[in-house]
Amino acid sequence: MAKGKDLKKIMESLLKQKASENERAFLTELGFTVKNPTRQTVIMAALYKKAAAGDLSAIKELRSITGDSSLDVYRGAVTIVDDIKN
């Protein structure tokens, strides 16, 4: 079985490969026009679309990838209101 470093190298190699015709069609369906897309491009475009649709886990992932605090979804304090009367 492949070890951690080997798996990482394999994944990096896969992500650097040119996008297939199906993957390029997927990018077009998402509304992206990219010259020479890689598989990583396809994944990032799909992640962006999910984040743009309001998927909080996708927003968090984009924030962690870019380090952009403007994507922070936890800006304000959370207030819990007990509105159930006994």
N, C-alpha and C. Protein backbone atom coordinates (compact mmCIF):
# COMPACT_ATOMS: atom_id res chain seq x y z
N MET A 1 0.85 -1.18 0.00
CA MET A 1 0.00 0.00 0.00
C MET A 1 0.89 1.24 0.00
N ALA A 2 0.45 2.27 -0.70
CA ALA A 2 1.23 3.52 -0.81
C ALA A 2 1.22 4.25 0.52
N LYS A 3 2.34 4.88 0.82
CA LYS A 3 2.46 5.64 2.06
C LYS A 3 2.01 7.08 1.82
N GLY A 4 1.92 7.87 2.89
CA GLY A 4 1.43 9.24 2.83
C GLY A 4 2.11 10.11 1.79
N LYS A 5 3.45 10.08 1.76
CA LYS A 5 4.19 10.90 0.79
C LYS A 5 3.89 10.46 -0.63
N ASP A 6 3.81 9.13 -0.82
CA ASP A 6 3.52 8.60 -2.15
C ASP A 6 2.12 9.01 -2.60
N LEU A 7 1.15 8.93 -1.71
CA LEU A 7 -0.22 9.32 -2.04
C LEU A 7 -0.29 10.80 -2.40
N LYS A 8 0.44 11.62 -1.66
CA LYS A 8 0.46 13.05 -1.94
C LYS A 8 1.04 13.32 -3.32
N LYS A 9 2.11 12.63 -3.67
CA LYS A 9 2.73 12.80 -5.00
C LYS A 9 1.78 12.36 -6.10
N ILE A 10 1.09 11.27 -5.87
CA ILE A 10 0.13 10.77 -6.85
C ILE A 10 -0.98 11.79 -7.06
N MET A 11 -1.52 12.32 -5.96
CA MET A 11 -2.60 13.30 -6.06
C MET A 11 -2.13 14.57 -6.76
N GLU A 12 -0.94 15.05 -6.41
CA GLU A 12 -0.41 16.25 -7.06
C GLU A 12 -0.26 16.02 -8.55
N SER A 13 0.20 14.83 -8.92
CA SER A 13 0.36 14.49 -10.34
C SER A 13 -0.99 14.49 -11.06
N LEU A 14 -2.00 13.90 -10.42
CA LEU A 14 -3.34 13.87 -11.02
C LEU A 14 -3.90 15.28 -11.21
N LEU A 15 -3.73 16.13 -10.21
CA LEU A 15 -4.27 17.48 -10.27
C LEU A 15 -3.60 18.34 -11.33
N LYS A 16 -2.35 18.05 -11.65
CA LYS A 16 -1.60 18.83 -12.65
C LYS A 16 -1.91 18.40 -14.08
N GLN A 17 -2.57 17.25 -14.24
CA GLN A 17 -2.89 16.77 -15.58
C GLN A 17 -3.90 17.67 -16.26
N LYS A 18 -3.84 17.71 -17.60
CA LYS A 18 -4.80 18.49 -18.37
C LYS A 18 -6.20 17.94 -18.14
N ALA A 19 -7.16 18.84 -18.11
CA ALA A 19 -8.55 18.44 -17.95
C ALA A 19 -9.00 17.65 -19.18
N SER A 20 -9.80 16.63 -18.96
CA SER A 20 -10.35 15.84 -20.05
C SER A 20 -11.42 16.65 -20.79
N GLU A 21 -11.89 16.12 -21.90
CA GLU A 21 -12.96 16.80 -22.66
C GLU A 21 -14.22 16.93 -21.81
N ASN A 22 -14.55 15.89 -21.05
CA ASN A 22 -15.72 15.95 -20.17
C ASN A 22 -15.54 17.02 -19.09
N GLU A 23 -14.33 17.10 -18.55
CA GLU A 23 -14.06 18.10 -17.51
C GLU A 23 -14.11 19.52 -18.10
N ARG A 24 -13.63 19.67 -19.34
CA ARG A 24 -13.71 20.98 -20.00
C ARG A 24 -15.16 21.36 -20.26
N ALA A 25 -15.98 20.37 -20.64
CA ALA A 25 -17.40 20.62 -20.85
C ALA A 25 -18.07 21.02 -19.54
N PHE A 26 -17.65 20.40 -18.46
CA PHE A 26 -18.17 20.74 -17.14
C PHE A 26 -17.85 22.20 -16.79
N LEU A 27 -16.62 22.62 -17.08
CA LEU A 27 -16.25 24.02 -16.85
C LEU A 27 -17.15 24.96 -17.64
N THR A 28 -17.39 24.61 -18.89
CA THR A 28 -18.26 25.43 -19.74
C THR A 28 -19.67 25.49 -19.18
N GLU A 29 -20.18 24.34 -18.71
CA GLU A 29 -21.51 24.30 -18.09
C GLU A 29 -21.58 25.20 -16.87
N LEU A 30 -20.48 25.27 -16.12
CA LEU A 30 -20.43 26.14 -14.93
C LEU A 30 -20.31 27.61 -15.31
N GLY A 31 -20.01 27.88 -16.58
CA GLY A 31 -19.90 29.26 -17.04
C GLY A 31 -18.49 29.79 -17.06
N PHE A 32 -17.49 28.90 -17.02
CA PHE A 32 -16.09 29.31 -17.01
C PHE A 32 -15.46 29.04 -18.36
N THR A 33 -14.66 29.99 -18.84
CA THR A 33 -13.85 29.80 -20.03
C THR A 33 -12.40 29.89 -19.58
N VAL A 34 -11.70 28.78 -19.65
CA VAL A 34 -10.32 28.71 -19.16
C VAL A 34 -9.45 28.11 -20.26
N LYS A 35 -8.35 28.79 -20.57
CA LYS A 35 -7.41 28.26 -21.55
C LYS A 35 -6.50 27.25 -20.85
N ASN A 36 -6.38 26.07 -21.40
CA ASN A 36 -5.53 24.99 -20.87
C ASN A 36 -5.84 24.64 -19.40
N PRO A 37 -7.09 24.28 -19.09
CA PRO A 37 -7.41 23.96 -17.70
C PRO A 37 -6.80 22.63 -17.26
N THR A 38 -6.49 22.56 -15.98
CA THR A 38 -6.03 21.32 -15.37
C THR A 38 -7.19 20.74 -14.56
N ARG A 39 -6.98 19.55 -14.04
CA ARG A 39 -8.01 18.96 -13.19
C ARG A 39 -8.20 19.79 -11.92
N GLN A 40 -7.13 20.41 -11.46
CA GLN A 40 -7.24 21.28 -10.29
C GLN A 40 -8.13 22.48 -10.60
N THR A 41 -8.04 23.00 -11.80
CA THR A 41 -8.90 24.11 -12.23
C THR A 41 -10.37 23.71 -12.14
N VAL A 42 -10.67 22.52 -12.60
CA VAL A 42 -12.05 22.02 -12.59
C VAL A 42 -12.57 21.94 -11.15
N ILE A 43 -11.74 21.40 -10.27
CA ILE A 43 -12.13 21.27 -8.87
C ILE A 43 -12.35 22.64 -8.23
N MET A 44 -11.46 23.57 -8.49
CA MET A 44 -11.58 24.90 -7.90
C MET A 44 -12.81 25.63 -8.43
N ALA A 45 -13.13 25.46 -9.71
CA ALA A 45 -14.32 26.09 -10.27
C ALA A 45 -15.58 25.53 -9.63
N ALA A 46 -15.62 24.22 -9.43
CA ALA A 46 -16.77 23.60 -8.78
C ALA A 46 -16.90 24.08 -7.34
N LEU A 47 -15.78 24.20 -6.65
CA LEU A 47 -15.79 24.69 -5.27
C LEU A 47 -16.29 26.13 -5.22
N TYR A 48 -15.83 26.96 -6.15
CA TYR A 48 -16.28 28.36 -6.22
C TYR A 48 -17.79 28.43 -6.42
N LYS A 49 -18.31 27.64 -7.35
CA LYS A 49 -19.75 27.66 -7.63
C LYS A 49 -20.55 27.28 -6.38
N LYS A 50 -20.09 26.28 -5.64
CA LYS A 50 -20.78 25.89 -4.41
C LYS A 50 -20.74 27.02 -3.38
N ALA A 51 -19.57 27.65 -3.26
CA ALA A 51 -19.43 28.76 -2.31
C ALA A 51 -20.33 29.92 -2.71
N ALA A 52 -20.37 30.22 -4.00
CA ALA A 52 -21.20 31.32 -4.49
C ALA A 52 -22.69 31.07 -4.27
N ALA A 53 -23.06 29.79 -4.20
CA ALA A 53 -24.45 29.42 -3.94
C ALA A 53 -24.78 29.43 -2.45
N GLY A 54 -23.76 29.70 -1.60
CA GLY A 54 -24.01 29.80 -0.17
C GLY A 54 -23.63 28.60 0.65
N ASP A 55 -22.97 27.63 0.07
CA ASP A 55 -22.54 26.44 0.81
C ASP A 55 -21.43 26.84 1.79
N LEU A 56 -21.75 26.80 3.08
CA LEU A 56 -20.81 27.27 4.10
C LEU A 56 -19.52 26.46 4.14
N SER A 57 -19.61 25.15 3.93
CA SER A 57 -18.38 24.36 3.94
C SER A 57 -17.49 24.73 2.76
N ALA A 58 -18.08 25.05 1.62
CA ALA A 58 -17.28 25.49 0.46
C ALA A 58 -16.67 26.86 0.72
N ILE A 59 -17.41 27.75 1.37
CA ILE A 59 -16.88 29.07 1.72
C ILE A 59 -15.69 28.93 2.67
N LYS A 60 -15.83 28.07 3.68
CA LYS A 60 -14.74 27.84 4.62
C LYS A 60 -13.51 27.28 3.91
N GLU A 61 -13.74 26.36 2.99
CA GLU A 61 -12.62 25.76 2.26
C GLU A 61 -11.92 26.79 1.39
N LEU A 62 -12.68 27.62 0.70
CA LEU A 62 -12.06 28.69 -0.10
C LEU A 62 -11.27 29.64 0.79
N ARG A 63 -11.83 29.95 1.95
CA ARG A 63 -11.13 30.83 2.89
C ARG A 63 -9.82 30.20 3.34
N SER A 64 -9.83 28.89 3.60
CA SER A 64 -8.60 28.24 4.06
C SER A 64 -7.57 28.15 2.94
N ILE A 65 -8.03 27.99 1.70
CA ILE A 65 -7.11 27.91 0.57
C ILE A 65 -6.48 29.27 0.27
N THR A 66 -7.31 30.31 0.27
CA THR A 66 -6.83 31.63 -0.11
C THR A 66 -6.28 32.43 1.07
N GLY A 67 -6.67 32.07 2.29
CA GLY A 67 -6.26 32.84 3.45
C GLY A 67 -6.95 34.19 3.51
N ASP A 68 -8.04 34.33 2.78
CA ASP A 68 -8.76 35.60 2.68
C ASP A 68 -9.78 35.73 3.81
N SER A 69 -9.51 36.60 4.75
CA SER A 69 -10.43 36.77 5.88
C SER A 69 -11.71 37.48 5.48
N SER A 70 -11.76 38.09 4.29
CA SER A 70 -13.00 38.73 3.85
C SER A 70 -14.08 37.69 3.55
N LEU A 71 -13.68 36.42 3.44
CA LEU A 71 -14.64 35.34 3.26
C LEU A 71 -15.13 34.80 4.59
N ASP A 72 -14.72 35.44 5.68
CA ASP A 72 -15.07 34.96 7.01
C ASP A 72 -16.58 35.02 7.22
N VAL A 73 -17.17 33.88 7.52
CA VAL A 73 -18.61 33.81 7.72
C VAL A 73 -19.00 34.02 9.18
N TYR A 74 -18.02 34.18 10.06
CA TYR A 74 -18.29 34.33 11.49
C TYR A 74 -17.89 35.71 11.99
N ARG A 75 -18.27 36.75 11.32
CA ARG A 75 -17.85 38.11 11.69
C ARG A 75 -18.51 38.60 12.97
N GLY A 76 -19.80 38.40 13.09
CA GLY A 76 -20.51 38.92 14.25
C GLY A 76 -20.63 37.89 15.36
N ALA A 77 -21.05 38.38 16.50
CA ALA A 77 -21.27 37.47 17.62
C ALA A 77 -22.58 36.73 17.42
N VAL A 78 -22.63 35.53 17.90
CA VAL A 78 -23.84 34.72 17.82
C VAL A 78 -24.58 34.89 19.13
N THR A 79 -25.87 35.19 19.04
CA THR A 79 -26.69 35.33 20.23
C THR A 79 -27.76 34.25 20.20
N ILE A 80 -27.83 33.49 21.27
CA ILE A 80 -28.84 32.45 21.37
C ILE A 80 -29.98 33.01 22.24
N VAL A 81 -31.16 33.00 21.67
CA VAL A 81 -32.32 33.54 22.37
C VAL A 81 -33.22 32.38 22.75
N ASP A 82 -33.52 32.29 24.03
CA ASP A 82 -34.43 31.25 24.51
C ASP A 82 -35.85 31.78 24.36
N ASP A 83 -36.48 31.40 23.28
CA ASP A 83 -37.83 31.91 23.02
C ASP A 83 -38.91 30.86 23.30
N ILE A 84 -38.52 29.79 23.98
CA ILE A 84 -39.49 28.76 24.34
C ILE A 84 -39.91 29.01 25.78
N LYS A 85 -41.14 29.29 25.95
CA LYS A 85 -41.69 29.60 27.29
C LYS A 85 -42.17 28.33 27.94
N ASN A 86 -41.85 28.19 29.24
CA ASN A 86 -42.31 27.02 30.01
C ASN A 86 -43.72 27.20 30.45
